[in-house]
C-alpha atoms as a PDB file:
ATOM      1  CA  MET A   1      26.522  -4.355 -18.927  1.00  0.00           C
ATOM      2  CA  ASN A   2      22.813  -4.203 -18.131  1.00  0.00           C
ATOM      3  CA  ASN A   3      21.917  -6.568 -15.307  1.00  0.00           C
ATOM      4  CA  LYS A   4      18.387  -6.573 -13.949  1.00  0.00           C
ATOM      5  CA  VAL A   5      17.361  -8.026 -10.644  1.00  0.00           C
ATOM      6  CA  LYS A   6      13.687  -8.902 -10.323  1.00  0.00           C
ATOM      7  CA  ILE A   7      12.379  -9.477  -6.843  1.00  0.00           C
ATOM      8  CA  ASP A   8       8.805 -10.299  -5.929  1.00  0.00           C
ATOM      9  CA  LEU A   9       7.880  -8.499  -2.726  1.00  0.00           C
ATOM     10  CA  LEU A  10       5.331 -10.400  -0.683  1.00  0.00           C
ATOM     11  CA  PRO A  11       2.934  -8.399   1.478  1.00  0.00           C
ATOM     12  CA  ILE A  12       4.738  -9.198   4.740  1.00  0.00           C
ATOM     13  CA  ALA A  13       6.116  -5.981   6.207  1.00  0.00           C
ATOM     14  CA  SER A  14       8.722  -7.731   8.365  1.00  0.00           C
ATOM     15  CA  ASP A  15      10.357  -9.172   5.241  1.00  0.00           C
ATOM     16  CA  TYR A  16      10.800  -5.869   3.397  1.00  0.00           C
ATOM     17  CA  ARG A  17      13.919  -4.854   5.305  1.00  0.00           C
ATOM     18  CA  SER A  18      15.559  -8.207   4.590  1.00  0.00           C
ATOM     19  CA  ILE A  19      14.612  -8.080   0.912  1.00  0.00           C
ATOM     20  CA  VAL A  20      15.981  -4.556   0.518  1.00  0.00           C
ATOM     21  CA  GLY A  21      19.091  -5.456   2.533  1.00  0.00           C
ATOM     22  CA  ASN A  22      19.796  -8.472   0.334  1.00  0.00           C
ATOM     23  CA  CYS A  23      19.439  -6.290  -2.770  1.00  0.00           C
ATOM     24  CA  ILE A  24      21.847  -3.712  -1.341  1.00  0.00           C
ATOM     25  CA  ARG A  25      24.374  -6.458  -0.539  1.00  0.00           C
ATOM     26  CA  THR A  26      24.059  -7.870  -4.073  1.00  0.00           C
ATOM     27  CA  PHE A  27      24.568  -4.450  -5.653  1.00  0.00           C
ATOM     28  CA  ARG A  28      27.514  -3.657  -3.354  1.00  0.00           C
ATOM     29  CA  GLU A  29      29.227  -6.953  -4.134  1.00  0.00           C
ATOM     30  CA  SER A  30      28.607  -6.564  -7.874  1.00  0.00           C
ATOM     31  CA  LYS A  31      30.399  -3.200  -7.730  1.00  0.00           C
ATOM     32  CA  GLY A  32      33.295  -4.829  -5.858  1.00  0.00           C
ATOM     33  CA  TYR A  33      32.934  -2.681  -2.738  1.00  0.00           C
ATOM     34  CA  SER A  34      33.552  -3.897   0.773  1.00  0.00           C
ATOM     35  CA  GLN A  35      31.215  -2.673   3.496  1.00  0.00           C
ATOM     36  CA  ASP A  36      34.013  -0.363   4.682  1.00  0.00           C
ATOM     37  CA  GLU A  37      34.477   1.142   1.213  1.00  0.00           C
ATOM     38  CA  LEU A  38      30.772   1.801   0.763  1.00  0.00           C
ATOM     39  CA  ALA A  39      30.513   3.257   4.270  1.00  0.00           C
ATOM     40  CA  ASN A  40      33.396   5.630   3.499  1.00  0.00           C
ATOM     41  CA  LEU A  41      31.759   6.739   0.237  1.00  0.00           C
ATOM     42  CA  MET A  42      28.502   7.441   2.053  1.00  0.00           C
ATOM     43  CA  LYS A  43      30.174   8.919   5.135  1.00  0.00           C
ATOM     44  CA  ILE A  44      28.393   6.510   7.481  1.00  0.00           C
ATOM     45  CA  SER A  45      29.649   3.678   9.673  1.00  0.00           C
ATOM     46  CA  ARG A  46      30.370   0.166   8.439  1.00  0.00           C
ATOM     47  CA  THR A  47      28.016  -1.148  11.125  1.00  0.00           C
ATOM     48  CA  THR A  48      25.178   0.857   9.560  1.00  0.00           C
ATOM     49  CA  ILE A  49      25.878  -0.813   6.190  1.00  0.00           C
ATOM     50  CA  SER A  50      25.929  -4.184   7.957  1.00  0.00           C
ATOM     51  CA  LYS A  51      22.594  -3.477   9.673  1.00  0.00           C
ATOM     52  CA  ILE A  52      21.017  -2.343   6.378  1.00  0.00           C
ATOM     53  CA  GLU A  53      22.172  -5.494   4.599  1.00  0.00           C
ATOM     54  CA  SER A  54      20.983  -7.774   7.396  1.00  0.00           C
ATOM     55  CA  GLY A  55      17.554  -6.127   7.588  1.00  0.00           C
ATOM     56  CA  LYS A  56      18.118  -4.788  11.105  1.00  0.00           C
ATOM     57  CA  PHE A  57      18.007  -1.123  10.105  1.00  0.00           C
ATOM     58  CA  ALA A  58      14.859   0.806   9.173  1.00  0.00           C
ATOM     59  CA  ILE A  59      16.352   2.367   6.067  1.00  0.00           C
ATOM     60  CA  SER A  60      15.108   5.836   5.176  1.00  0.00           C
ATOM     61  CA  ILE A  61      14.346   7.012   1.666  1.00  0.00           C
ATOM     62  CA  ASP A  62      17.334   9.353   2.032  1.00  0.00           C
ATOM     63  CA  TYR A  63      19.744   6.450   2.634  1.00  0.00           C
ATOM     64  CA  LEU A  64      18.101   4.444  -0.126  1.00  0.00           C
ATOM     65  CA  GLU A  65      18.575   7.327  -2.571  1.00  0.00           C
ATOM     66  CA  ARG A  66      22.230   7.756  -1.583  1.00  0.00           C
ATOM     67  CA  LEU A  67      22.826   4.021  -1.942  1.00  0.00           C
ATOM     68  CA  SER A  68      21.213   4.088  -5.387  1.00  0.00           C
ATOM     69  CA  VAL A  69      23.674   6.772  -6.477  1.00  0.00           C
ATOM     70  CA  HIS A  70      26.777   4.974  -5.168  1.00  0.00           C
ATOM     71  CA  LEU A  71      25.677   1.495  -6.271  1.00  0.00           C
ATOM     72  CA  ASN A  72      24.061   2.604  -9.536  1.00  0.00           C
ATOM     73  CA  PHE A  73      20.563   1.165  -9.196  1.00  0.00           C
ATOM     74  CA  GLU A  74      17.121   2.555  -9.829  1.00  0.00           C
ATOM     75  CA  ILE A  75      14.297   2.815  -7.312  1.00  0.00           C
ATOM     76  CA  VAL A  76      10.966   1.923  -8.924  1.00  0.00           C
ATOM     77  CA  LEU A  77       7.551   1.959  -7.297  1.00  0.00           C
ATOM     78  CA  LYS A  78       4.778   0.085  -9.041  1.00  0.00           C
ATOM     79  CA  PRO A  79       1.167  -0.423  -8.038  1.00  0.00           C
ATOM     80  CA  LYS A  80       0.286  -3.857  -6.742  1.00  0.00           C
ATOM     81  CA  ASN A  81      -2.488  -4.081  -9.323  1.00  0.00           C
ATOM     82  CA  ASN A  82      -0.828  -4.855 -12.652  1.00  0.00           C
ATOM     83  CA  LYS A  83      -4.108  -4.523 -14.578  1.00  0.00           C
ATOM     84  CA  MET A  84      -4.654  -1.270 -16.415  1.00  0.00           C
ATOM     85  CA  ASP A  85      -8.467  -1.415 -16.149  1.00  0.00           C
ATOM     86  CA  GLY A  86      -8.629  -0.140 -12.553  1.00  0.00           C
ATOM     87  CA  GLN A  87     -10.107  -3.319 -11.060  1.00  0.00           C
ATOM     88  CA  ALA A  88      -9.238  -4.215  -7.483  1.00  0.00           C
ATOM     89  CA  ASN A  89      -6.068  -6.199  -6.934  1.00  0.00           C
ATOM     90  CA  GLN A  90      -6.825  -9.929  -6.800  1.00  0.00           C
ATOM     91  CA  GLY A  91      -3.661 -11.266  -5.150  1.00  0.00           C
ATOM     92  CA  ALA A  92      -1.187  -9.618  -7.522  1.00  0.00           C
ATOM     93  CA  LYS A  93       2.334  -9.213  -6.168  1.00  0.00           C
ATOM     94  CA  ALA A  94       4.071  -5.882  -6.114  1.00  0.00           C
ATOM     95  CA  LYS A  95       7.199  -6.084  -8.189  1.00  0.00           C
ATOM     96  CA  LYS A  96      10.427  -4.259  -7.638  1.00  0.00           C
ATOM     97  CA  TYR A  97      12.780  -3.910 -10.537  1.00  0.00           C
ATOM     98  CA  ALA A  98      16.274  -2.653  -9.936  1.00  0.00           C
ATOM     99  CA  SER A  99      18.742  -2.219 -12.709  1.00  0.00           C
ATOM    100  CA  ARG A 100      22.417  -1.733 -12.442  1.00  0.00           C
END
């Protein structure tokens, strides 16, 4: 089953942790894992998983990569400017696509 989650990331840095945390929670729940089960797979504490999901943890790229392996999602970075002609970004949103 190929589910895609599309999330528009607004340019507010304080929201990024919450957006990423909500995605992680969605992926974890879709795999049927509890926070304890995911924490055991990753060899970290359940409270760390809770903090990640609630946006209270400054997640590192290392944790994000490990989560992507255990929860089967892809990390994609795209430029904010969706135009291919190289013009400056005129209010375009950065888009994050994660697939399961």
